[in-house]
Amino acid sequence: MPDERPNNLENLDAEDAKLVTLARGARSRIAAPEGAALRDETGRTYASATVALPSLRLSAVQAAVAQAVAAGARSIEAIAVVGPTTLTQVDPEGQSALRDLGGDSVRVILVQS
């Protein structure tokens, strides 16, 4: 699964830029370490942030994938993950969730901020 960190966000197409905006919003709403937004095979989008409760821990990617599955998504086209300046790849659990629903062809956009 290729991880991608755009050097210039202006080079993203409108649909991928929308994912970055949604991921940033999800992250900032609760001041989470990471935010993620994904687009399914029909173009629907799902956004989430890291969940860190005493009894439940999910990465932003896992939470976004869970939302998509709960809404009936069958595949993932792309996901944007916004995180700290140390963000270089999707966490292993998130990678597994992406593969489970999207296979190895999911476009991954990493944004450090």
PDB file of N, CA and C in Angstrom:
ATOM      1  N   MET A   1       0.850  -1.169   0.000  1.00  0.00           N
ATOM      2  CA  MET A   1       0.000   0.000   0.000  1.00  0.00           C
ATOM      3  C   MET A   1       0.895   1.230   0.000  1.00  0.00           C
ATOM      4  N   PRO A   2       0.892   1.997  -1.078  1.00  0.00           N
ATOM      5  CA  PRO A   2       1.784   3.149  -1.138  1.00  0.00           C
ATOM      6  C   PRO A   2       1.310   4.276  -0.243  1.00  0.00           C
ATOM      7  N   ASP A   3       2.217   4.827   0.526  1.00  0.00           N
ATOM      8  CA  ASP A   3       1.924   6.016   1.309  1.00  0.00           C
ATOM      9  C   ASP A   3       2.432   7.204   0.522  1.00  0.00           C
ATOM     10  N   GLU A   4       1.716   8.298   0.570  1.00  0.00           N
ATOM     11  CA  GLU A   4       2.060   9.444  -0.240  1.00  0.00           C
ATOM     12  C   GLU A   4       1.982  10.693   0.602  1.00  0.00           C
ATOM     13  N   ARG A   5       2.989  11.518   0.536  1.00  0.00           N
ATOM     14  CA  ARG A   5       2.985  12.793   1.233  1.00  0.00           C
ATOM     15  C   ARG A   5       3.125  13.889   0.185  1.00  0.00           C
ATOM     16  N   PRO A   6       2.062  14.561  -0.159  1.00  0.00           N
ATOM     17  CA  PRO A   6       2.161  15.571  -1.211  1.00  0.00           C
ATOM     18  C   PRO A   6       3.083  16.705  -0.788  1.00  0.00           C
ATOM     19  N   ASN A   7       3.969  17.094  -1.678  1.00  0.00           N
ATOM     20  CA  ASN A   7       4.839  18.237  -1.403  1.00  0.00           C
ATOM     21  C   ASN A   7       4.059  19.530  -1.492  1.00  0.00           C
ATOM     22  N   ASN A   8       3.085  19.558  -2.385  1.00  0.00           N
ATOM     23  CA  ASN A   8       2.304  20.762  -2.609  1.00  0.00           C
ATOM     24  C   ASN A   8       0.839  20.361  -2.681  1.00  0.00           C
ATOM     25  N   LEU A   9       0.071  20.735  -1.679  1.00  0.00           N
ATOM     26  CA  LEU A   9      -1.336  20.339  -1.640  1.00  0.00           C
ATOM     27  C   LEU A   9      -2.132  20.924  -2.795  1.00  0.00           C
ATOM     28  N   GLU A  10      -1.615  21.963  -3.434  1.00  0.00           N
ATOM     29  CA  GLU A  10      -2.303  22.532  -4.595  1.00  0.00           C
ATOM     30  C   GLU A  10      -2.302  21.577  -5.779  1.00  0.00           C
ATOM     31  N   ASN A  11      -1.428  20.573  -5.763  1.00  0.00           N
ATOM     32  CA  ASN A  11      -1.370  19.606  -6.859  1.00  0.00           C
ATOM     33  C   ASN A  11      -2.423  18.505  -6.740  1.00  0.00           C
ATOM     34  N   LEU A  12      -3.159  18.484  -5.640  1.00  0.00           N
ATOM     35  CA  LEU A  12      -4.198  17.473  -5.472  1.00  0.00           C
ATOM     36  C   LEU A  12      -5.416  17.842  -6.301  1.00  0.00           C
ATOM     37  N   ASP A  13      -6.112  16.826  -6.806  1.00  0.00           N
ATOM     38  CA  ASP A  13      -7.367  17.135  -7.491  1.00  0.00           C
ATOM     39  C   ASP A  13      -8.410  17.527  -6.441  1.00  0.00           C
ATOM     40  N   ALA A  14      -9.533  18.035  -6.891  1.00  0.00           N
ATOM     41  CA  ALA A  14     -10.545  18.579  -5.978  1.00  0.00           C
ATOM     42  C   ALA A  14     -11.064  17.538  -4.995  1.00  0.00           C
ATOM     43  N   GLU A  15     -11.254  16.319  -5.451  1.00  0.00           N
ATOM     44  CA  GLU A  15     -11.778  15.268  -4.570  1.00  0.00           C
ATOM     45  C   GLU A  15     -10.780  14.890  -3.477  1.00  0.00           C
ATOM     46  N   ASP A  16      -9.491  14.819  -3.807  1.00  0.00           N
ATOM     47  CA  ASP A  16      -8.478  14.509  -2.798  1.00  0.00           C
ATOM     48  C   ASP A  16      -8.277  15.687  -1.846  1.00  0.00           C
ATOM     49  N   ALA A  17      -8.352  16.912  -2.372  1.00  0.00           N
ATOM     50  CA  ALA A  17      -8.243  18.091  -1.509  1.00  0.00           C
ATOM     51  C   ALA A  17      -9.395  18.132  -0.509  1.00  0.00           C
ATOM     52  N   LYS A  18     -10.583  17.695  -0.943  1.00  0.00           N
ATOM     53  CA  LYS A  18     -11.739  17.627  -0.041  1.00  0.00           C
ATOM     54  C   LYS A  18     -11.450  16.662   1.108  1.00  0.00           C
ATOM     55  N   LEU A  19     -10.823  15.522   0.812  1.00  0.00           N
ATOM     56  CA  LEU A  19     -10.477  14.570   1.871  1.00  0.00           C
ATOM     57  C   LEU A  19      -9.531  15.199   2.883  1.00  0.00           C
ATOM     58  N   VAL A  20      -8.540  15.936   2.409  1.00  0.00           N
ATOM     59  CA  VAL A  20      -7.596  16.588   3.319  1.00  0.00           C
ATOM     60  C   VAL A  20      -8.337  17.581   4.212  1.00  0.00           C
ATOM     61  N   THR A  21      -9.237  18.357   3.642  1.00  0.00           N
ATOM     62  CA  THR A  21     -10.017  19.327   4.421  1.00  0.00           C
ATOM     63  C   THR A  21     -10.867  18.627   5.477  1.00  0.00           C
ATOM     64  N   LEU A  22     -11.524  17.534   5.094  1.00  0.00           N
ATOM     65  CA  LEU A  22     -12.349  16.790   6.054  1.00  0.00           C
ATOM     66  C   LEU A  22     -11.500  16.180   7.169  1.00  0.00           C
ATOM     67  N   ALA A  23     -10.332  15.656   6.822  1.00  0.00           N
ATOM     68  CA  ALA A  23      -9.433  15.062   7.831  1.00  0.00           C
ATOM     69  C   ALA A  23      -8.931  16.122   8.798  1.00  0.00           C
ATOM     70  N   ARG A  24      -8.584  17.283   8.278  1.00  0.00           N
ATOM     71  CA  ARG A  24      -8.145  18.384   9.149  1.00  0.00           C
ATOM     72  C   ARG A  24      -9.259  18.798  10.105  1.00  0.00           C
ATOM     73  N   GLY A  25     -10.478  18.877   9.588  1.00  0.00           N
ATOM     74  CA  GLY A  25     -11.613  19.260  10.426  1.00  0.00           C
ATOM     75  C   GLY A  25     -11.881  18.259  11.532  1.00  0.00           C
ATOM     76  N   ALA A  26     -11.824  16.978  11.183  1.00  0.00           N
ATOM     77  CA  ALA A  26     -12.054  15.931  12.190  1.00  0.00           C
ATOM     78  C   ALA A  26     -10.989  15.988  13.273  1.00  0.00           C
ATOM     79  N   ARG A  27      -9.756  16.213  12.865  1.00  0.00           N
ATOM     80  CA  ARG A  27      -8.654  16.285  13.825  1.00  0.00           C
ATOM     81  C   ARG A  27      -8.807  17.494  14.744  1.00  0.00           C
ATOM     82  N   SER A  28      -9.082  18.649  14.162  1.00  0.00           N
ATOM     83  CA  SER A  28      -9.121  19.871  14.963  1.00  0.00           C
ATOM     84  C   SER A  28     -10.340  19.933  15.882  1.00  0.00           C
ATOM     85  N   ARG A  29     -11.444  19.298  15.481  1.00  0.00           N
ATOM     86  CA  ARG A  29     -12.670  19.349  16.291  1.00  0.00           C
ATOM     87  C   ARG A  29     -12.432  18.857  17.709  1.00  0.00           C
ATOM     88  N   ILE A  30     -11.588  17.849  17.867  1.00  0.00           N
ATOM     89  CA  ILE A  30     -11.350  17.313  19.211  1.00  0.00           C
ATOM     90  C   ILE A  30      -9.869  17.376  19.607  1.00  0.00           C
ATOM     91  N   ALA A  31      -9.080  18.140  18.849  1.00  0.00           N
ATOM     92  CA  ALA A  31      -7.641  18.281  19.106  1.00  0.00           C
ATOM     93  C   ALA A  31      -6.957  16.915  19.187  1.00  0.00           C
ATOM     94  N   ALA A  32      -7.293  16.053  18.238  1.00  0.00           N
ATOM     95  CA  ALA A  32      -6.746  14.690  18.204  1.00  0.00           C
ATOM     96  C   ALA A  32      -5.371  14.677  17.546  1.00  0.00           C
ATOM     97  N   PRO A  33      -4.589  13.645  17.831  1.00  0.00           N
ATOM     98  CA  PRO A  33      -3.280  13.526  17.179  1.00  0.00           C
ATOM     99  C   PRO A  33      -3.384  13.375  15.660  1.00  0.00           C
ATOM    100  N   GLU A  34      -4.418  12.674  15.191  1.00  0.00           N
ATOM    101  CA  GLU A  34      -4.589  12.458  13.760  1.00  0.00           C
ATOM    102  C   GLU A  34      -6.059  12.573  13.372  1.00  0.00           C
ATOM    103  N   GLY A  35      -6.274  12.959  12.132  1.00  0.00           N
ATOM    104  CA  GLY A  35      -7.596  12.945  11.526  1.00  0.00           C
ATOM    105  C   GLY A  35      -7.492  12.198  10.212  1.00  0.00           C
ATOM    106  N   ALA A  36      -8.565  11.546   9.805  1.00  0.00           N
ATOM    107  CA  ALA A  36      -8.568  10.812   8.545  1.00  0.00           C
ATOM    108  C   ALA A  36      -9.912  10.992   7.863  1.00  0.00           C
ATOM    109  N   ALA A  37      -9.877  10.990   6.547  1.00  0.00           N
ATOM    110  CA  ALA A  37     -11.112  11.034   5.759  1.00  0.00           C
ATOM    111  C   ALA A  37     -10.924  10.112   4.570  1.00  0.00           C
ATOM    112  N   LEU A  38     -11.942   9.299   4.300  1.00  0.00           N
ATOM    113  CA  LEU A  38     -11.831   8.383   3.170  1.00  0.00           C
ATOM    114  C   LEU A  38     -13.004   8.541   2.230  1.00  0.00           C
ATOM    115  N   ARG A  39     -12.784   8.122   1.000  1.00  0.00           N
ATOM    116  CA  ARG A  39     -13.814   8.134  -0.034  1.00  0.00           C
ATOM    117  C   ARG A  39     -14.049   6.696  -0.460  1.00  0.00           C
ATOM    118  N   ASP A  40     -15.319   6.277  -0.461  1.00  0.00           N
ATOM    119  CA  ASP A  40     -15.623   4.901  -0.846  1.00  0.00           C
ATOM    120  C   ASP A  40     -15.844   4.797  -2.352  1.00  0.00           C
ATOM    121  N   GLU A  41     -16.242   3.620  -2.790  1.00  0.00           N
ATOM    122  CA  GLU A  41     -16.390   3.334  -4.219  1.00  0.00           C
ATOM    123  C   GLU A  41     -17.516   4.121  -4.881  1.00  0.00           C
ATOM    124  N   THR A  42     -18.421   4.674  -4.078  1.00  0.00           N
ATOM    125  CA  THR A  42     -19.523   5.456  -4.640  1.00  0.00           C
ATOM    126  C   THR A  42     -19.278   6.962  -4.545  1.00  0.00           C
ATOM    127  N   GLY A  43     -18.165   7.351  -3.927  1.00  0.00           N
ATOM    128  CA  GLY A  43     -17.855   8.766  -3.762  1.00  0.00           C
ATOM    129  C   GLY A  43     -18.265   9.343  -2.423  1.00  0.00           C
ATOM    130  N   ARG A  44     -18.917   8.527  -1.589  1.00  0.00           N
ATOM    131  CA  ARG A  44     -19.280   9.012  -0.247  1.00  0.00           C
ATOM    132  C   ARG A  44     -18.009   9.182   0.583  1.00  0.00           C
ATOM    133  N   THR A  45     -18.041  10.135   1.501  1.00  0.00           N
ATOM    134  CA  THR A  45     -16.872  10.388   2.340  1.00  0.00           C
ATOM    135  C   THR A  45     -17.203  10.176   3.815  1.00  0.00           C
ATOM    136  N   TYR A  46     -16.188   9.798   4.543  1.00  0.00           N
ATOM    137  CA  TYR A  46     -16.298   9.527   5.981  1.00  0.00           C
ATOM    138  C   TYR A  46     -15.065  10.131   6.641  1.00  0.00           C
ATOM    139  N   ALA A  47     -15.255  10.866   7.720  1.00  0.00           N
ATOM    140  CA  ALA A  47     -14.140  11.496   8.411  1.00  0.00           C
ATOM    141  C   ALA A  47     -14.174  11.139   9.882  1.00  0.00           C
ATOM    142  N   SER A  48     -12.996  10.976  10.455  1.00  0.00           N
ATOM    143  CA  SER A  48     -12.911  10.642  11.864  1.00  0.00           C
ATOM    144  C   SER A  48     -11.564  11.088  12.410  1.00  0.00           C
ATOM    145  N   ALA A  49     -11.427  10.966  13.712  1.00  0.00           N
ATOM    146  CA  ALA A  49     -10.187  11.316  14.398  1.00  0.00           C
ATOM    147  C   ALA A  49      -9.804  10.170  15.322  1.00  0.00           C
ATOM    148  N   THR A  50      -8.615  10.257  15.844  1.00  0.00           N
ATOM    149  CA  THR A  50      -8.134   9.267  16.793  1.00  0.00           C
ATOM    150  C   THR A  50      -9.100   9.178  17.979  1.00  0.00           C
ATOM    151  N   VAL A  51      -9.434   7.959  18.386  1.00  0.00           N
ATOM    152  CA  VAL A  51     -10.289   7.724  19.551  1.00  0.00           C
ATOM    153  C   VAL A  51      -9.390   7.171  20.650  1.00  0.00           C
ATOM    154  N   ALA A  52      -9.337   7.871  21.778  1.00  0.00           N
ATOM    155  CA  ALA A  52      -8.476   7.440  22.880  1.00  0.00           C
ATOM    156  C   ALA A  52      -9.250   7.495  24.191  1.00  0.00           C
ATOM    157  N   LEU A  53     -10.119   6.513  24.369  1.00  0.00           N
ATOM    158  CA  LEU A  53     -10.871   6.367  25.606  1.00  0.00           C
ATOM    159  C   LEU A  53     -10.209   5.284  26.449  1.00  0.00           C
ATOM    160  N   PRO A  54     -10.454   5.279  27.747  1.00  0.00           N
ATOM    161  CA  PRO A  54      -9.859   4.224  28.566  1.00  0.00           C
ATOM    162  C   PRO A  54     -10.223   2.815  28.074  1.00  0.00           C
ATOM    163  N   SER A  55     -11.431   2.649  27.556  1.00  0.00           N
ATOM    164  CA  SER A  55     -11.877   1.311  27.147  1.00  0.00           C
ATOM    165  C   SER A  55     -11.878   1.097  25.639  1.00  0.00           C
ATOM    166  N   LEU A  56     -11.500   2.110  24.852  1.00  0.00           N
ATOM    167  CA  LEU A  56     -11.529   1.977  23.396  1.00  0.00           C
ATOM    168  C   LEU A  56     -10.463   2.849  22.769  1.00  0.00           C
ATOM    169  N   ARG A  57      -9.609   2.226  21.965  1.00  0.00           N
ATOM    170  CA  ARG A  57      -8.555   2.956  21.251  1.00  0.00           C
ATOM    171  C   ARG A  57      -8.612   2.586  19.783  1.00  0.00           C
ATOM    172  N   LEU A  58      -8.787   3.615  18.938  1.00  0.00           N
ATOM    173  CA  LEU A  58      -8.788   3.426  17.490  1.00  0.00           C
ATOM    174  C   LEU A  58      -7.955   4.530  16.861  1.00  0.00           C
ATOM    175  N   SER A  59      -7.173   4.172  15.866  1.00  0.00           N
ATOM    176  CA  SER A  59      -6.497   5.215  15.100  1.00  0.00           C
ATOM    177  C   SER A  59      -7.552   5.931  14.266  1.00  0.00           C
ATOM    178  N   ALA A  60      -7.215   7.090  13.765  1.00  0.00           N
ATOM    179  CA  ALA A  60      -8.147   7.832  12.912  1.00  0.00           C
ATOM    180  C   ALA A  60      -8.520   7.007  11.684  1.00  0.00           C
ATOM    181  N   VAL A  61      -7.558   6.280  11.134  1.00  0.00           N
ATOM    182  CA  VAL A  61      -7.822   5.443   9.966  1.00  0.00           C
ATOM    183  C   VAL A  61      -8.801   4.334  10.321  1.00  0.00           C
ATOM    184  N   GLN A  62      -8.568   3.644  11.432  1.00  0.00           N
ATOM    185  CA  GLN A  62      -9.481   2.577  11.854  1.00  0.00           C
ATOM    186  C   GLN A  62     -10.891   3.121  12.062  1.00  0.00           C
ATOM    187  N   ALA A  63     -11.015   4.287  12.678  1.00  0.00           N
ATOM    188  CA  ALA A  63     -12.334   4.868  12.943  1.00  0.00           C
ATOM    189  C   ALA A  63     -13.043   5.241  11.641  1.00  0.00           C
ATOM    190  N   ALA A  64     -12.311   5.794  10.681  1.00  0.00           N
ATOM    191  CA  ALA A  64     -12.915   6.144   9.396  1.00  0.00           C
ATOM    192  C   ALA A  64     -13.347   4.895   8.635  1.00  0.00           C
ATOM    193  N   VAL A  65     -12.520   3.854   8.665  1.00  0.00           N
ATOM    194  CA  VAL A  65     -12.882   2.594   7.996  1.00  0.00           C
ATOM    195  C   VAL A  65     -14.121   1.999   8.674  1.00  0.00           C
ATOM    196  N   ALA A  66     -14.174   2.036  10.002  1.00  0.00           N
ATOM    197  CA  ALA A  66     -15.336   1.503  10.714  1.00  0.00           C
ATOM    198  C   ALA A  66     -16.608   2.253  10.320  1.00  0.00           C
ATOM    199  N   GLN A  67     -16.534   3.572  10.194  1.00  0.00           N
ATOM    200  CA  GLN A  67     -17.705   4.348   9.760  1.00  0.00           C
ATOM    201  C   GLN A  67     -18.151   3.924   8.369  1.00  0.00           C
ATOM    202  N   ALA A  68     -17.182   3.754   7.472  1.00  0.00           N
ATOM    203  CA  ALA A  68     -17.515   3.364   6.097  1.00  0.00           C
ATOM    204  C   ALA A  68     -18.177   1.993   6.059  1.00  0.00           C
ATOM    205  N   VAL A  69     -17.626   1.045   6.797  1.00  0.00           N
ATOM    206  CA  VAL A  69     -18.203  -0.304   6.833  1.00  0.00           C
ATOM    207  C   VAL A  69     -19.617  -0.254   7.405  1.00  0.00           C
ATOM    208  N   ALA A  70     -19.796   0.503   8.486  1.00  0.00           N
ATOM    209  CA  ALA A  70     -21.115   0.598   9.113  1.00  0.00           C
ATOM    210  C   ALA A  70     -22.147   1.227   8.179  1.00  0.00           C
ATOM    211  N   ALA A  71     -21.678   2.035   7.225  1.00  0.00           N
ATOM    212  CA  ALA A  71     -22.594   2.681   6.281  1.00  0.00           C
ATOM    213  C   ALA A  71     -22.793   1.855   5.010  1.00  0.00           C
ATOM    214  N   GLY A  72     -22.129   0.710   4.926  1.00  0.00           N
ATOM    215  CA  GLY A  72     -22.330  -0.176   3.789  1.00  0.00           C
ATOM    216  C   GLY A  72     -21.306  -0.080   2.681  1.00  0.00           C
ATOM    217  N   ALA A  73     -20.211   0.631   2.895  1.00  0.00           N
ATOM    218  CA  ALA A  73     -19.172   0.727   1.859  1.00  0.00           C
ATOM    219  C   ALA A  73     -18.611  -0.654   1.556  1.00  0.00           C
ATOM    220  N   ARG A  74     -18.313  -0.871   0.283  1.00  0.00           N
ATOM    221  CA  ARG A  74     -17.744  -2.152  -0.136  1.00  0.00           C
ATOM    222  C   ARG A  74     -16.277  -2.039  -0.503  1.00  0.00           C
ATOM    223  N   SER A  75     -15.798  -0.813  -0.723  1.00  0.00           N
ATOM    224  CA  SER A  75     -14.417  -0.602  -1.126  1.00  0.00           C
ATOM    225  C   SER A  75     -14.015   0.832  -0.809  1.00  0.00           C
ATOM    226  N   ILE A  76     -12.712   1.075  -0.819  1.00  0.00           N
ATOM    227  CA  ILE A  76     -12.170   2.408  -0.562  1.00  0.00           C
ATOM    228  C   ILE A  76     -11.355   2.832  -1.774  1.00  0.00           C
ATOM    229  N   GLU A  77     -11.602   4.059  -2.235  1.00  0.00           N
ATOM    230  CA  GLU A  77     -10.790   4.620  -3.317  1.00  0.00           C
ATOM    231  C   GLU A  77      -9.554   5.321  -2.780  1.00  0.00           C
ATOM    232  N   ALA A  78      -9.749   6.164  -1.743  1.00  0.00           N
ATOM    233  CA  ALA A  78      -8.645   6.983  -1.249  1.00  0.00           C
ATOM    234  C   ALA A  78      -8.881   7.353   0.203  1.00  0.00           C
ATOM    235  N   ILE A  79      -7.782   7.654   0.886  1.00  0.00           N
ATOM    236  CA  ILE A  79      -7.858   8.139   2.262  1.00  0.00           C
ATOM    237  C   ILE A  79      -6.789   9.202   2.453  1.00  0.00           C
ATOM    238  N   ALA A  80      -7.148  10.251   3.186  1.00  0.00           N
ATOM    239  CA  ALA A  80      -6.188  11.280   3.588  1.00  0.00           C
ATOM    240  C   ALA A  80      -6.034  11.193   5.091  1.00  0.00           C
ATOM    241  N   VAL A  81      -4.784  11.261   5.540  1.00  0.00           N
ATOM    242  CA  VAL A  81      -4.486  11.229   6.967  1.00  0.00           C
ATOM    243  C   VAL A  81      -3.677  12.477   7.292  1.00  0.00           C
ATOM    244  N   VAL A  82      -4.165  13.263   8.237  1.00  0.00           N
ATOM    245  CA  VAL A  82      -3.481  14.473   8.677  1.00  0.00           C
ATOM    246  C   VAL A  82      -2.975  14.227  10.084  1.00  0.00           C
ATOM    247  N   GLY A  83      -1.687  14.461  10.290  1.00  0.00           N
ATOM    248  CA  GLY A  83      -1.114  14.201  11.605  1.00  0.00           C
ATOM    249  C   GLY A  83       0.068  15.095  11.896  1.00  0.00           C
ATOM    250  N   PRO A  84       0.805  14.749  12.922  1.00  0.00           N
ATOM    251  CA  PRO A  84       1.939  15.573  13.334  1.00  0.00           C
ATOM    252  C   PRO A  84       3.067  15.536  12.299  1.00  0.00           C
ATOM    253  N   THR A  85       4.046  16.375  12.508  1.00  0.00           N
ATOM    254  CA  THR A  85       5.167  16.454  11.565  1.00  0.00           C
ATOM    255  C   THR A  85       5.973  15.162  11.515  1.00  0.00           C
ATOM    256  N   THR A  86       5.745  14.270  12.461  1.00  0.00           N
ATOM    257  CA  THR A  86       6.448  12.987  12.464  1.00  0.00           C
ATOM    258  C   THR A  86       5.691  11.909  11.689  1.00  0.00           C
ATOM    259  N   LEU A  87       4.518  12.237  11.159  1.00  0.00           N
ATOM    260  CA  LEU A  87       3.710  11.267  10.418  1.00  0.00           C
ATOM    261  C   LEU A  87       4.411  10.893   9.116  1.00  0.00           C
ATOM    262  N   THR A  88       4.760   9.609   8.970  1.00  0.00           N
ATOM    263  CA  THR A  88       5.422   9.152   7.749  1.00  0.00           C
ATOM    264  C   THR A  88       4.707   7.979   7.101  1.00  0.00           C
ATOM    265  N   GLN A  89       3.797   7.353   7.831  1.00  0.00           N
ATOM    266  CA  GLN A  89       3.041   6.235   7.268  1.00  0.00           C
ATOM    267  C   GLN A  89       1.815   5.972   8.126  1.00  0.00           C
ATOM    268  N   VAL A  90       0.867   5.232   7.557  1.00  0.00           N
ATOM    269  CA  VAL A  90      -0.310   4.809   8.303  1.00  0.00           C
ATOM    270  C   VAL A  90       0.122   3.733   9.304  1.00  0.00           C
ATOM    271  N   ASP A  91      -0.425   3.796  10.512  1.00  0.00           N
ATOM    272  CA  ASP A  91      -0.088   2.805  11.534  1.00  0.00           C
ATOM    273  C   ASP A  91      -0.441   1.396  11.036  1.00  0.00           C
ATOM    274  N   PRO A  92       0.243   0.357  11.542  1.00  0.00           N
ATOM    275  CA  PRO A  92       0.016  -1.010  11.056  1.00  0.00           C
ATOM    276  C   PRO A  92      -1.435  -1.472  11.147  1.00  0.00           C
ATOM    277  N   GLU A  93      -2.126  -1.128  12.228  1.00  0.00           N
ATOM    278  CA  GLU A  93      -3.523  -1.541  12.372  1.00  0.00           C
ATOM    279  C   GLU A  93      -4.392  -0.844  11.331  1.00  0.00           C
ATOM    280  N   GLY A  94      -4.107   0.425  11.074  1.00  0.00           N
ATOM    281  CA  GLY A  94      -4.830   1.164  10.053  1.00  0.00           C
ATOM    282  C   GLY A  94      -4.573   0.592   8.669  1.00  0.00           C
ATOM    283  N   GLN A  95      -3.323   0.211   8.391  1.00  0.00           N
ATOM    284  CA  GLN A  95      -2.997  -0.415   7.107  1.00  0.00           C
ATOM    285  C   GLN A  95      -3.798  -1.697   6.924  1.00  0.00           C
ATOM    286  N   SER A  96      -3.910  -2.483   7.978  1.00  0.00           N
ATOM    287  CA  SER A  96      -4.684  -3.731   7.898  1.00  0.00           C
ATOM    288  C   SER A  96      -6.149  -3.447   7.605  1.00  0.00           C
ATOM    289  N   ALA A  97      -6.719  -2.443   8.273  1.00  0.00           N
ATOM    290  CA  ALA A  97      -8.125  -2.091   8.040  1.00  0.00           C
ATOM    291  C   ALA A  97      -8.330  -1.624   6.605  1.00  0.00           C
ATOM    292  N   LEU A  98      -7.395  -0.829   6.086  1.00  0.00           N
ATOM    293  CA  LEU A  98      -7.501  -0.369   4.701  1.00  0.00           C
ATOM    294  C   LEU A  98      -7.451  -1.538   3.724  1.00  0.00           C
ATOM    295  N   ARG A  99      -6.537  -2.478   3.978  1.00  0.00           N
ATOM    296  CA  ARG A  99      -6.434  -3.663   3.107  1.00  0.00           C
ATOM    297  C   ARG A  99      -7.700  -4.510   3.166  1.00  0.00           C
ATOM    298  N   ASP A 100      -8.258  -4.655   4.367  1.00  0.00           N
ATOM    299  CA  ASP A 100      -9.478  -5.461   4.523  1.00  0.00           C
ATOM    300  C   ASP A 100     -10.612  -4.942   3.638  1.00  0.00           C
ATOM    301  N   LEU A 101     -10.750  -3.628   3.537  1.00  0.00           N
ATOM    302  CA  LEU A 101     -11.864  -3.063   2.785  1.00  0.00           C
ATOM    303  C   LEU A 101     -11.468  -2.627   1.379  1.00  0.00           C
ATOM    304  N   GLY A 102     -10.221  -2.207   1.196  1.00  0.00           N
ATOM    305  CA  GLY A 102      -9.840  -1.644  -0.091  1.00  0.00           C
ATOM    306  C   GLY A 102      -8.768  -2.376  -0.866  1.00  0.00           C
ATOM    307  N   GLY A 103      -8.212  -3.431  -0.286  1.00  0.00           N
ATOM    308  CA  GLY A 103      -7.129  -4.121  -0.971  1.00  0.00           C
ATOM    309  C   GLY A 103      -5.863  -3.275  -0.964  1.00  0.00           C
ATOM    310  N   ASP A 104      -4.984  -3.535  -1.914  1.00  0.00           N
ATOM    311  CA  ASP A 104      -3.711  -2.821  -1.968  1.00  0.00           C
ATOM    312  C   ASP A 104      -3.729  -1.608  -2.884  1.00  0.00           C
ATOM    313  N   SER A 105      -4.875  -1.274  -3.438  1.00  0.00           N
ATOM    314  CA  SER A 105      -4.933  -0.199  -4.414  1.00  0.00           C
ATOM    315  C   SER A 105      -5.448   1.125  -3.835  1.00  0.00           C
ATOM    316  N   VAL A 106      -5.605   1.223  -2.527  1.00  0.00           N
ATOM    317  CA  VAL A 106      -6.118   2.451  -1.905  1.00  0.00           C
ATOM    318  C   VAL A 106      -5.068   3.555  -2.031  1.00  0.00           C
ATOM    319  N   ARG A 107      -5.498   4.687  -2.527  1.00  0.00           N
ATOM    320  CA  ARG A 107      -4.595   5.861  -2.596  1.00  0.00           C
ATOM    321  C   ARG A 107      -4.516   6.472  -1.207  1.00  0.00           C
ATOM    322  N   VAL A 108      -3.302   6.604  -0.685  1.00  0.00           N
ATOM    323  CA  VAL A 108      -3.088   7.137   0.657  1.00  0.00           C
ATOM    324  C   VAL A 108      -2.364   8.478   0.544  1.00  0.00           C
ATOM    325  N   ILE A 109      -2.965   9.486   1.133  1.00  0.00           N
ATOM    326  CA  ILE A 109      -2.402  10.834   1.127  1.00  0.00           C
ATOM    327  C   ILE A 109      -2.053  11.187   2.565  1.00  0.00           C
ATOM    328  N   LEU A 110      -0.782  11.377   2.842  1.00  0.00           N
ATOM    329  CA  LEU A 110      -0.340  11.761   4.183  1.00  0.00           C
ATOM    330  C   LEU A 110      -0.020  13.245   4.199  1.00  0.00           C
ATOM    331  N   VAL A 111      -0.507  13.924   5.214  1.00  0.00           N
ATOM    332  CA  VAL A 111      -0.262  15.350   5.349  1.00  0.00           C
ATOM    333  C   VAL A 111       0.270  15.616   6.742  1.00  0.00           C
ATOM    334  N   GLN A 112       1.447  16.177   6.798  1.00  0.00           N
ATOM    335  CA  GLN A 112       2.040  16.547   8.086  1.00  0.00           C
ATOM    336  C   GLN A 112       1.666  17.985   8.392  1.00  0.00           C
ATOM    337  N   SER A 113       1.213  18.203   9.612  1.00  0.00           N
ATOM    338  CA  SER A 113       0.909  19.591  10.001  1.00  0.00           C
ATOM    339  C   SER A 113       1.090  19.793  11.482  1.00  0.00           C
TER     340      SER A 113
END
